[in-house]
Protein backbone atom coordinates (compact mmCIF):
# COMPACT_ATOMS: atom_id res chain seq x y z
CA MET A 1 24.67 23.50 2.32
CA PRO A 2 20.90 22.88 1.65
CA LYS A 3 19.37 19.33 2.29
CA VAL A 4 18.81 17.40 -0.96
CA LYS A 5 14.90 16.35 -1.48
CA VAL A 6 14.52 12.80 -2.11
CA LYS A 7 12.21 11.95 -5.18
CA SER A 8 9.10 9.61 -4.25
CA ASN A 9 8.93 6.44 -6.45
CA ARG A 10 5.77 7.37 -8.17
CA SER A 11 4.66 3.62 -8.60
CA ALA A 12 4.89 3.22 -4.95
CA ALA A 13 3.15 6.47 -4.04
CA LYS A 14 0.13 5.35 -6.17
CA ARG A 15 -0.11 1.90 -4.55
CA PHE A 16 0.62 2.59 -0.71
CA LYS A 17 -0.32 5.08 1.70
CA LEU A 18 0.98 5.86 5.23
CA THR A 19 -1.38 6.03 7.99
CA GLY A 20 -1.09 8.75 10.79
CA SER A 21 0.79 6.10 13.21
CA GLY A 22 3.37 5.33 10.39
CA LYS A 23 1.83 2.03 9.12
CA VAL A 24 2.15 1.15 5.53
CA LYS A 25 -1.49 0.55 3.84
CA ARG A 26 -2.20 -1.35 0.72
CA ALA A 27 -5.17 -2.67 -1.31
CA ARG A 28 -5.63 -6.35 -1.77
CA GLY A 29 -5.37 -7.59 -5.27
CA GLY A 30 -7.75 -9.87 -6.98
CA GLY A 31 -11.18 -7.97 -6.73
CA SER A 32 -11.48 -6.62 -9.98
CA HIS A 33 -12.80 -9.20 -12.40
CA LEU A 34 -13.89 -12.79 -12.35
CA ASN A 35 -15.84 -11.96 -9.24
CA ALA A 36 -18.87 -14.20 -10.25
CA LYS A 37 -17.14 -17.29 -8.96
CA LYS A 38 -15.86 -15.93 -5.68
CA ASN A 39 -17.90 -16.23 -2.80
CA ARG A 40 -19.33 -13.16 -1.06
CA LYS A 41 -16.95 -13.49 2.03
CA ARG A 42 -13.93 -13.63 -0.14
CA LYS A 43 -14.84 -10.61 -1.96
CA ARG A 44 -15.82 -8.76 1.23
CA ARG A 45 -12.23 -9.82 2.53
CA LEU A 46 -10.51 -8.49 -0.85
CA ASN A 47 -12.12 -5.19 -0.04
CA GLU A 48 -10.45 -4.70 3.35
CA PRO A 49 -7.05 -3.11 3.34
CA GLU A 50 -3.90 -4.63 4.57
CA PHE A 51 -0.94 -3.36 6.67
CA LEU A 52 2.48 -4.14 5.68
CA THR A 53 5.09 -5.19 8.53
CA GLY A 54 8.81 -5.79 9.00
CA SER A 55 11.21 -5.28 6.09
CA ALA A 56 8.73 -4.72 3.40
CA ALA A 57 7.23 -1.96 5.27
CA LYS A 58 10.82 -0.24 5.82
CA ARG A 59 11.33 -0.60 2.08
CA ILE A 60 8.11 1.26 1.04
CA LYS A 61 8.63 4.10 3.55
CA THR A 62 12.11 4.64 1.89
CA TYR A 63 10.15 4.90 -1.65
CA VAL A 64 7.69 7.17 -0.31
CA PRO A 65 9.26 9.57 2.02
CA TYR A 66 6.84 12.61 2.18
CA LYS A 67 3.34 10.91 2.34
């Protein structure tokens, strides 16, 4: 009996990436508009990726099995 392929959650696949070591990487929100009142340091930090840990990362890995 062949193995059944699992469908990826398409919304999760567009928002999260898996690194080579298996960490889950995501973009930070809040950097696309109303930037005039945010200071330079804050905007720079919003540009850096964030890595999920614990149960959140486990859940996302089930949503995106083939990335």
